[in-house]
PDB file of all heavy atoms in Angstrom:
ATOM      1  N   ARG A   1      78.140  94.583 100.932  1.00  0.00           N
ATOM      2  CA  ARG A   1      79.509  94.902 101.460  1.00  0.00           C
ATOM      3  C   ARG A   1      80.426  93.781 101.192  1.00  0.00           C
ATOM      4  O   ARG A   1      80.044  92.538 101.044  1.00  0.00           O
ATOM      5  CB  ARG A   1      79.515  95.292 102.990  1.00  0.00           C
ATOM      6  CG  ARG A   1      78.926  96.627 103.249  1.00  0.00           C
ATOM      7  CD  ARG A   1      78.822  96.921 104.819  1.00  0.00           C
ATOM      8  NE  ARG A   1      78.426  98.227 105.160  1.00  0.00           N
ATOM      9  CZ  ARG A   1      77.146  98.504 105.240  1.00  0.00           C
ATOM     10  NH1 ARG A   1      76.279  97.664 105.032  1.00  0.00           N
ATOM     11  NH2 ARG A   1      76.802  99.738 105.630  1.00  0.00           N
ATOM     12  N   CYS A   2      81.769  94.014 101.199  1.00  0.00           N
ATOM     13  CA  CYS A   2      82.771  93.001 101.080  1.00  0.00           C
ATOM     14  C   CYS A   2      82.523  91.970 102.153  1.00  0.00           C
ATOM     15  O   CYS A   2      82.228  92.273 103.291  1.00  0.00           O
ATOM     16  CB  CYS A   2      84.190  93.511 101.269  1.00  0.00           C
ATOM     17  SG  CYS A   2      84.677  94.738 100.060  1.00  0.00           S
ATOM     18  N   ARG A   3      82.544  90.682 101.761  1.00  0.00           N
ATOM     19  CA  ARG A   3      82.141  89.600 102.614  1.00  0.00           C
ATOM     20  C   ARG A   3      83.032  89.522 103.947  1.00  0.00           C
ATOM     21  O   ARG A   3      82.525  89.194 104.992  1.00  0.00           O
ATOM     22  CB  ARG A   3      82.246  88.214 101.880  1.00  0.00           C
ATOM     23  CG  ARG A   3      81.882  86.955 102.676  1.00  0.00           C
ATOM     24  CD  ARG A   3      81.921  85.739 101.842  1.00  0.00           C
ATOM     25  NE  ARG A   3      80.795  85.852 100.784  1.00  0.00           N
ATOM     26  CZ  ARG A   3      79.528  85.538 101.180  1.00  0.00           C
ATOM     27  NH1 ARG A   3      79.198  85.029 102.260  1.00  0.00           N
ATOM     28  NH2 ARG A   3      78.646  85.666 100.149  1.00  0.00           N
ATOM     29  N   TRP A   4      84.268  89.917 103.791  1.00  0.00           N
ATOM     30  CA  TRP A   4      85.190  89.810 105.013  1.00  0.00           C
ATOM     31  C   TRP A   4      84.804  90.671 106.092  1.00  0.00           C
ATOM     32  O   TRP A   4      85.077  90.331 107.325  1.00  0.00           O
ATOM     33  CB  TRP A   4      86.712  90.088 104.572  1.00  0.00           C
ATOM     34  CG  TRP A   4      86.982  91.463 104.125  1.00  0.00           C
ATOM     35  CD1 TRP A   4      86.959  91.926 102.786  1.00  0.00           C
ATOM     36  CD2 TRP A   4      87.169  92.647 104.868  1.00  0.00           C
ATOM     37  NE1 TRP A   4      87.320  93.232 102.740  1.00  0.00           N
ATOM     38  CE2 TRP A   4      87.367  93.727 104.084  1.00  0.00           C
ATOM     39  CE3 TRP A   4      87.173  92.928 106.341  1.00  0.00           C
ATOM     40  CZ2 TRP A   4      87.706  95.052 104.539  1.00  0.00           C
ATOM     41  CZ3 TRP A   4      87.526  94.164 106.746  1.00  0.00           C
ATOM     42  CH2 TRP A   4      87.764  95.248 105.835  1.00  0.00           C
ATOM     43  N   CYS A   5      84.042  91.742 105.957  1.00  0.00           N
ATOM     44  CA  CYS A   5      83.657  92.678 106.964  1.00  0.00           C
ATOM     45  C   CYS A   5      82.639  92.040 107.834  1.00  0.00           C
ATOM     46  O   CYS A   5      82.303  92.574 108.925  1.00  0.00           O
ATOM     47  CB  CYS A   5      83.301  93.995 106.440  1.00  0.00           C
ATOM     48  SG  CYS A   5      81.597  94.149 105.725  1.00  0.00           S
ATOM     49  N   ALA A   6      81.988  90.913 107.551  1.00  0.00           N
ATOM     50  CA  ALA A   6      81.009  90.222 108.395  1.00  0.00           C
ATOM     51  C   ALA A   6      81.724  89.260 109.417  1.00  0.00           C
ATOM     52  O   ALA A   6      81.048  88.732 110.169  1.00  0.00           O
ATOM     53  CB  ALA A   6      80.010  89.472 107.576  1.00  0.00           C
ATOM     54  N   ALA A   7      83.101  89.059 109.223  1.00  0.00           N
ATOM     55  CA  ALA A   7      83.707  88.193 110.020  1.00  0.00           C
ATOM     56  C   ALA A   7      83.847  88.545 111.546  1.00  0.00           C
ATOM     57  O   ALA A   7      84.053  87.669 112.432  1.00  0.00           O
ATOM     58  CB  ALA A   7      85.113  87.862 109.526  1.00  0.00           C
ATOM     59  N   ALA A   8      83.709  89.757 111.804  1.00  0.00           N
ATOM     60  CA  ALA A   8      83.867  90.251 113.309  1.00  0.00           C
ATOM     61  C   ALA A   8      83.138  91.607 113.343  1.00  0.00           C
ATOM     62  O   ALA A   8      83.199  92.431 112.408  1.00  0.00           O
ATOM     63  CB  ALA A   8      85.334  90.419 113.691  1.00  0.00           C
ATOM     64  N   PRO A   9      82.475  91.949 114.440  1.00  0.00           N
ATOM     65  CA  PRO A   9      81.725  93.143 114.598  1.00  0.00           C
ATOM     66  C   PRO A   9      82.477  94.330 114.340  1.00  0.00           C
ATOM     67  O   PRO A   9      81.988  95.338 113.709  1.00  0.00           O
ATOM     68  CB  PRO A   9      81.148  93.076 116.016  1.00  0.00           C
ATOM     69  CG  PRO A   9      81.208  91.724 116.323  1.00  0.00           C
ATOM     70  CD  PRO A   9      82.279  91.012 115.667  1.00  0.00           C
ATOM     71  N   GLU A  10      83.772  94.356 114.771  1.00  0.00           N
ATOM     72  CA  GLU A  10      84.554  95.650 114.664  1.00  0.00           C
ATOM     73  C   GLU A  10      85.120  95.770 113.183  1.00  0.00           C
ATOM     74  O   GLU A  10      85.583  96.855 112.860  1.00  0.00           O
ATOM     75  CB  GLU A  10      85.849  95.469 115.558  1.00  0.00           C
ATOM     76  CG  GLU A  10      86.597  94.267 115.407  1.00  0.00           C
ATOM     77  CD  GLU A  10      86.380  93.119 116.275  1.00  0.00           C
ATOM     78  OE1 GLU A  10      85.147  92.906 116.579  1.00  0.00           O
ATOM     79  OE2 GLU A  10      87.303  92.377 116.733  1.00  0.00           O
ATOM     80  N   PHE A  11      84.889  94.838 112.335  1.00  0.00           N
ATOM     81  CA  PHE A  11      85.340  94.929 110.971  1.00  0.00           C
ATOM     82  C   PHE A  11      84.408  95.912 110.145  1.00  0.00           C
ATOM     83  O   PHE A  11      84.854  96.560 109.295  1.00  0.00           O
ATOM     84  CB  PHE A  11      85.314  93.607 110.230  1.00  0.00           C
ATOM     85  CG  PHE A  11      86.532  92.687 110.615  1.00  0.00           C
ATOM     86  CD1 PHE A  11      87.549  93.087 111.456  1.00  0.00           C
ATOM     87  CD2 PHE A  11      86.631  91.498 109.977  1.00  0.00           C
ATOM     88  CE1 PHE A  11      88.605  92.287 111.779  1.00  0.00           C
ATOM     89  CE2 PHE A  11      87.705  90.607 110.316  1.00  0.00           C
ATOM     90  CZ  PHE A  11      88.662  91.040 111.152  1.00  0.00           C
ATOM     91  N   LEU A  12      83.119  95.943 110.587  1.00  0.00           N
ATOM     92  CA  LEU A  12      82.207  96.816 109.718  1.00  0.00           C
ATOM     93  C   LEU A  12      82.542  98.312 109.746  1.00  0.00           C
ATOM     94  O   LEU A  12      82.587  98.827 108.595  1.00  0.00           O
ATOM     95  CB  LEU A  12      80.804  96.534 110.266  1.00  0.00           C
ATOM     96  CG  LEU A  12      79.615  97.306 109.450  1.00  0.00           C
ATOM     97  CD1 LEU A  12      79.608  96.792 107.995  1.00  0.00           C
ATOM     98  CD2 LEU A  12      78.307  97.119 110.139  1.00  0.00           C
ATOM     99  N   PRO A  13      82.790  99.004 110.833  1.00  0.00           N
ATOM    100  CA  PRO A  13      83.088 100.330 110.819  1.00  0.00           C
ATOM    101  C   PRO A  13      84.426 100.575 110.139  1.00  0.00           C
ATOM    102  O   PRO A  13      84.689 101.583 109.526  1.00  0.00           O
ATOM    103  CB  PRO A  13      83.113 100.825 112.385  1.00  0.00           C
ATOM    104  CG  PRO A  13      83.215  99.492 113.121  1.00  0.00           C
ATOM    105  CD  PRO A  13      82.466  98.423 112.299  1.00  0.00           C
ATOM    106  N   TYR A  14      85.360  99.623 110.371  1.00  0.00           N
ATOM    107  CA  TYR A  14      86.715  99.788 109.734  1.00  0.00           C
ATOM    108  C   TYR A  14      86.557  99.713 108.228  1.00  0.00           C
ATOM    109  O   TYR A  14      87.199 100.513 107.532  1.00  0.00           O
ATOM    110  CB  TYR A  14      87.594  98.603 110.319  1.00  0.00           C
ATOM    111  CG  TYR A  14      88.988  98.608 109.548  1.00  0.00           C
ATOM    112  CD1 TYR A  14      89.881  99.484 109.801  1.00  0.00           C
ATOM    113  CD2 TYR A  14      89.297  97.538 108.655  1.00  0.00           C
ATOM    114  CE1 TYR A  14      91.196  99.481 109.223  1.00  0.00           C
ATOM    115  CE2 TYR A  14      90.514  97.501 108.052  1.00  0.00           C
ATOM    116  CZ  TYR A  14      91.435  98.434 108.299  1.00  0.00           C
ATOM    117  OH  TYR A  14      92.707  98.379 107.715  1.00  0.00           O
ATOM    118  N   HIS A  15      85.741  98.740 107.775  1.00  0.00           N
ATOM    119  CA  HIS A  15      85.469  98.544 106.325  1.00  0.00           C
ATOM    120  C   HIS A  15      84.788  99.837 105.843  1.00  0.00           C
ATOM    121  O   HIS A  15      85.204 100.298 104.653  1.00  0.00           O
ATOM    122  CB  HIS A  15      84.645  97.339 106.119  1.00  0.00           C
ATOM    123  CG  HIS A  15      84.098  97.189 104.766  1.00  0.00           C
ATOM    124  ND1 HIS A  15      82.889  97.774 104.382  1.00  0.00           N
ATOM    125  CD2 HIS A  15      84.566  96.493 103.640  1.00  0.00           C
ATOM    126  CE1 HIS A  15      82.685  97.453 103.086  1.00  0.00           C
ATOM    127  NE2 HIS A  15      83.711  96.740 102.614  1.00  0.00           N
ATOM    128  N   ASP A  16      83.857 100.367 106.538  1.00  0.00           N
ATOM    129  CA  ASP A  16      82.943 101.455 105.911  1.00  0.00           C
ATOM    130  C   ASP A  16      83.640 102.760 105.964  1.00  0.00           C
ATOM    131  O   ASP A  16      83.260 103.698 105.141  1.00  0.00           O
ATOM    132  CB  ASP A  16      81.628 101.484 106.675  1.00  0.00           C
ATOM    133  CG  ASP A  16      80.770 100.365 106.349  1.00  0.00           C
ATOM    134  OD1 ASP A  16      81.037  99.447 105.568  1.00  0.00           O
ATOM    135  OD2 ASP A  16      79.498 100.460 106.749  1.00  0.00           O
ATOM    136  N   THR A  17      84.608 102.912 106.887  1.00  0.00           N
ATOM    137  CA  THR A  17      85.210 104.306 107.053  1.00  0.00           C
ATOM    138  C   THR A  17      86.640 104.444 106.833  1.00  0.00           C
ATOM    139  O   THR A  17      87.138 105.617 106.714  1.00  0.00           O
ATOM    140  CB  THR A  17      84.808 104.847 108.386  1.00  0.00           C
ATOM    141  OG1 THR A  17      85.355 104.022 109.373  1.00  0.00           O
ATOM    142  CG2 THR A  17      83.234 104.925 108.667  1.00  0.00           C
ATOM    143  N   GLU A  18      87.397 103.406 106.806  1.00  0.00           N
ATOM    144  CA  GLU A  18      88.815 103.358 106.674  1.00  0.00           C
ATOM    145  C   GLU A  18      89.455 102.656 105.513  1.00  0.00           C
ATOM    146  O   GLU A  18      90.110 103.182 104.728  1.00  0.00           O
ATOM    147  CB  GLU A  18      89.482 102.967 107.973  1.00  0.00           C
ATOM    148  CG  GLU A  18      89.208 103.765 109.230  1.00  0.00           C
ATOM    149  CD  GLU A  18      90.077 103.338 110.359  1.00  0.00           C
ATOM    150  OE1 GLU A  18      91.381 103.183 110.230  1.00  0.00           O
ATOM    151  OE2 GLU A  18      89.488 102.909 111.502  1.00  0.00           O
ATOM    152  N   TRP A  19      89.064 101.431 105.497  1.00  0.00           N
ATOM    153  CA  TRP A  19      89.826 100.513 104.580  1.00  0.00           C
ATOM    154  C   TRP A  19      89.593 100.950 103.065  1.00  0.00           C
ATOM    155  O   TRP A  19      88.462 101.087 102.610  1.00  0.00           O
ATOM    156  CB  TRP A  19      89.262  99.127 104.706  1.00  0.00           C
ATOM    157  CG  TRP A  19      90.120  98.025 103.987  1.00  0.00           C
ATOM    158  CD1 TRP A  19      91.390  97.620 104.472  1.00  0.00           C
ATOM    159  CD2 TRP A  19      89.837  97.278 102.818  1.00  0.00           C
ATOM    160  NE1 TRP A  19      91.828  96.638 103.550  1.00  0.00           N
ATOM    161  CE2 TRP A  19      90.977  96.437 102.549  1.00  0.00           C
ATOM    162  CE3 TRP A  19      88.799  97.370 101.976  1.00  0.00           C
ATOM    163  CZ2 TRP A  19      90.951  95.643 101.524  1.00  0.00           C
ATOM    164  CZ3 TRP A  19      88.855  96.531 100.866  1.00  0.00           C
ATOM    165  CH2 TRP A  19      89.916  95.654 100.708  1.00  0.00           C
ATOM    166  N   GLY A  20      90.676 101.214 102.406  1.00  0.00           N
ATOM    167  CA  GLY A  20      90.520 101.621 101.013  1.00  0.00           C
ATOM    168  C   GLY A  20      90.368 103.063 100.816  1.00  0.00           C
ATOM    169  O   GLY A  20      90.397 103.543  99.631  1.00  0.00           O
ATOM    170  N   PHE A  21      90.176 103.946 101.804  1.00  0.00           N
ATOM    171  CA  PHE A  21      90.056 105.373 101.732  1.00  0.00           C
ATOM    172  C   PHE A  21      91.377 106.035 101.699  1.00  0.00           C
ATOM    173  O   PHE A  21      92.192 105.650 102.575  1.00  0.00           O
ATOM    174  CB  PHE A  21      89.250 105.968 102.784  1.00  0.00           C
ATOM    175  CG  PHE A  21      87.691 105.671 102.633  1.00  0.00           C
ATOM    176  CD1 PHE A  21      87.250 104.361 102.998  1.00  0.00           C
ATOM    177  CD2 PHE A  21      86.803 106.588 102.092  1.00  0.00           C
ATOM    178  CE1 PHE A  21      85.850 104.082 102.817  1.00  0.00           C
ATOM    179  CE2 PHE A  21      85.486 106.305 101.973  1.00  0.00           C
ATOM    180  CZ  PHE A  21      85.049 105.045 102.238  1.00  0.00           C
ATOM    181  N   PRO A  22      91.711 106.896 100.803  1.00  0.00           N
ATOM    182  CA  PRO A  22      93.080 107.428 100.624  1.00  0.00           C
ATOM    183  C   PRO A  22      93.427 108.285 101.902  1.00  0.00           C
ATOM    184  O   PRO A  22      92.796 109.171 102.316  1.00  0.00           O
ATOM    185  CB  PRO A  22      93.037 108.192  99.319  1.00  0.00           C
ATOM    186  CG  PRO A  22      91.601 108.658  99.245  1.00  0.00           C
ATOM    187  CD  PRO A  22      90.785 107.505  99.743  1.00  0.00           C
ATOM    188  N   ILE A  23      94.758 108.141 102.253  1.00  0.00           N
ATOM    189  CA  ILE A  23      95.295 109.055 103.326  1.00  0.00           C
ATOM    190  C   ILE A  23      96.662 109.519 102.887  1.00  0.00           C
ATOM    191  O   ILE A  23      97.389 108.927 102.155  1.00  0.00           O
ATOM    192  CB  ILE A  23      95.324 108.326 104.617  1.00  0.00           C
ATOM    193  CG1 ILE A  23      96.160 107.083 104.533  1.00  0.00           C
ATOM    194  CG2 ILE A  23      93.976 108.030 105.168  1.00  0.00           C
ATOM    195  CD1 ILE A  23      96.397 106.483 105.984  1.00  0.00           C
ATOM    196  N   ALA A  24      96.993 110.683 103.412  1.00  0.00           N
ATOM    197  CA  ALA A  24      98.309 111.313 103.146  1.00  0.00           C
ATOM    198  C   ALA A  24      99.047 111.730 104.472  1.00  0.00           C
ATOM    199  O   ALA A  24     100.114 112.312 104.403  1.00  0.00           O
ATOM    200  CB  ALA A  24      98.224 112.509 102.191  1.00  0.00           C
ATOM    201  N   ASP A  25      98.468 111.372 105.521  1.00  0.00           N
ATOM    202  CA  ASP A  25      99.021 111.826 106.874  1.00  0.00           C
ATOM    203  C   ASP A  25     100.101 110.820 107.166  1.00  0.00           C
ATOM    204  O   ASP A  25      99.880 109.659 107.279  1.00  0.00           O
ATOM    205  CB  ASP A  25      97.880 111.731 107.962  1.00  0.00           C
ATOM    206  CG  ASP A  25      98.504 112.060 109.245  1.00  0.00           C
ATOM    207  OD1 ASP A  25      98.578 113.329 109.656  1.00  0.00           O
ATOM    208  OD2 ASP A  25      98.867 111.264 110.055  1.00  0.00           O
ATOM    209  N   ASP A  26     101.316 111.358 107.393  1.00  0.00           N
ATOM    210  CA  ASP A  26     102.513 110.508 107.621  1.00  0.00           C
ATOM    211  C   ASP A  26     102.361 109.565 108.848  1.00  0.00           C
ATOM    212  O   ASP A  26     102.717 108.392 108.804  1.00  0.00           O
ATOM    213  CB  ASP A  26     103.723 111.311 107.691  1.00  0.00           C
ATOM    214  CG  ASP A  26     104.298 111.721 106.352  1.00  0.00           C
ATOM    215  OD1 ASP A  26     103.673 111.431 105.333  1.00  0.00           O
ATOM    216  OD2 ASP A  26     105.402 112.304 106.296  1.00  0.00           O
ATOM    217  N   ARG A  27     101.812 110.069 109.899  1.00  0.00           N
ATOM    218  CA  ARG A  27     101.744 109.222 111.109  1.00  0.00           C
ATOM    219  C   ARG A  27     100.670 108.093 110.832  1.00  0.00           C
ATOM    220  O   ARG A  27     101.010 106.999 111.311  1.00  0.00           O
ATOM    221  CB  ARG A  27     101.155 110.070 112.269  1.00  0.00           C
ATOM    222  CG  ARG A  27     102.335 110.842 113.029  1.00  0.00           C
ATOM    223  CD  ARG A  27     101.923 111.175 114.448  1.00  0.00           C
ATOM    224  NE  ARG A  27     102.754 112.127 114.972  1.00  0.00           N
ATOM    225  CZ  ARG A  27     102.557 112.613 116.214  1.00  0.00           C
ATOM    226  NH1 ARG A  27     101.693 112.147 116.904  1.00  0.00           N
ATOM    227  NH2 ARG A  27     103.346 113.535 116.670  1.00  0.00           N
ATOM    228  N   ARG A  28      99.726 108.371 110.217  1.00  0.00           N
ATOM    229  CA  ARG A  28      98.710 107.353 109.940  1.00  0.00           C
ATOM    230  C   ARG A  28      99.239 106.325 108.952  1.00  0.00           C
ATOM    231  O   ARG A  28      98.959 105.130 109.059  1.00  0.00           O
ATOM    232  CB  ARG A  28      97.372 107.898 109.360  1.00  0.00           C
ATOM    233  CG  ARG A  28      96.473 108.618 110.343  1.00  0.00           C
ATOM    234  CD  ARG A  28      95.204 109.085 109.773  1.00  0.00           C
ATOM    235  NE  ARG A  28      94.477 107.870 109.504  1.00  0.00           N
ATOM    236  CZ  ARG A  28      93.349 107.885 108.682  1.00  0.00           C
ATOM    237  NH1 ARG A  28      92.945 108.910 108.052  1.00  0.00           N
ATOM    238  NH2 ARG A  28      92.714 106.606 108.546  1.00  0.00           N
ATOM    239  N   LEU A  29     100.009 106.793 107.992  1.00  0.00           N
ATOM    240  CA  LEU A  29     100.591 105.791 107.122  1.00  0.00           C
ATOM    241  C   LEU A  29     101.671 105.009 107.866  1.00  0.00           C
ATOM    242  O   LEU A  29     101.697 103.711 107.639  1.00  0.00           O
ATOM    243  CB  LEU A  29     101.363 106.689 105.986  1.00  0.00           C
ATOM    244  CG  LEU A  29     100.466 107.264 105.010  1.00  0.00           C
ATOM    245  CD1 LEU A  29     101.253 108.256 104.042  1.00  0.00           C
ATOM    246  CD2 LEU A  29      99.786 106.197 104.158  1.00  0.00           C
ATOM    247  N   PHE A  30     102.447 105.542 108.795  1.00  0.00           N
ATOM    248  CA  PHE A  30     103.401 104.782 109.478  1.00  0.00           C
ATOM    249  C   PHE A  30     102.627 103.682 110.422  1.00  0.00           C
ATOM    250  O   PHE A  30     103.106 102.618 110.588  1.00  0.00           O
ATOM    251  CB  PHE A  30     104.294 105.658 110.309  1.00  0.00           C
ATOM    252  CG  PHE A  30     105.430 104.792 110.916  1.00  0.00           C
ATOM    253  CD1 PHE A  30     106.486 104.289 110.247  1.00  0.00           C
ATOM    254  CD2 PHE A  30     105.386 104.592 112.290  1.00  0.00           C
ATOM    255  CE1 PHE A  30     107.474 103.570 110.787  1.00  0.00           C
ATOM    256  CE2 PHE A  30     106.419 103.909 112.888  1.00  0.00           C
ATOM    257  CZ  PHE A  30     107.535 103.329 112.127  1.00  0.00           C
ATOM    258  N   GLU A  31     101.518 104.141 110.972  1.00  0.00           N
ATOM    259  CA  GLU A  31     100.664 103.243 111.853  1.00  0.00           C
ATOM    260  C   GLU A  31     100.220 102.099 111.036  1.00  0.00           C
ATOM    261  O   GLU A  31     100.392 100.967 111.442  1.00  0.00           O
ATOM    262  CB  GLU A  31      99.449 104.049 112.434  1.00  0.00           C
ATOM    263  CG  GLU A  31      98.617 103.144 113.158  1.00  0.00           C
ATOM    264  CD  GLU A  31      97.269 103.794 113.606  1.00  0.00           C
ATOM    265  OE1 GLU A  31      97.435 104.795 114.308  1.00  0.00           O
ATOM    266  OE2 GLU A  31      96.229 103.320 113.288  1.00  0.00           O
TER     267      GLU A  31
END
């Protein structure tokens, strides 16, 4: 996995399920 995701425990699920995955929901984009 990308090295940065080991910097904190909460980074792993964010890296594995969100970061870099395409989204088109306007609220999520604004968030």
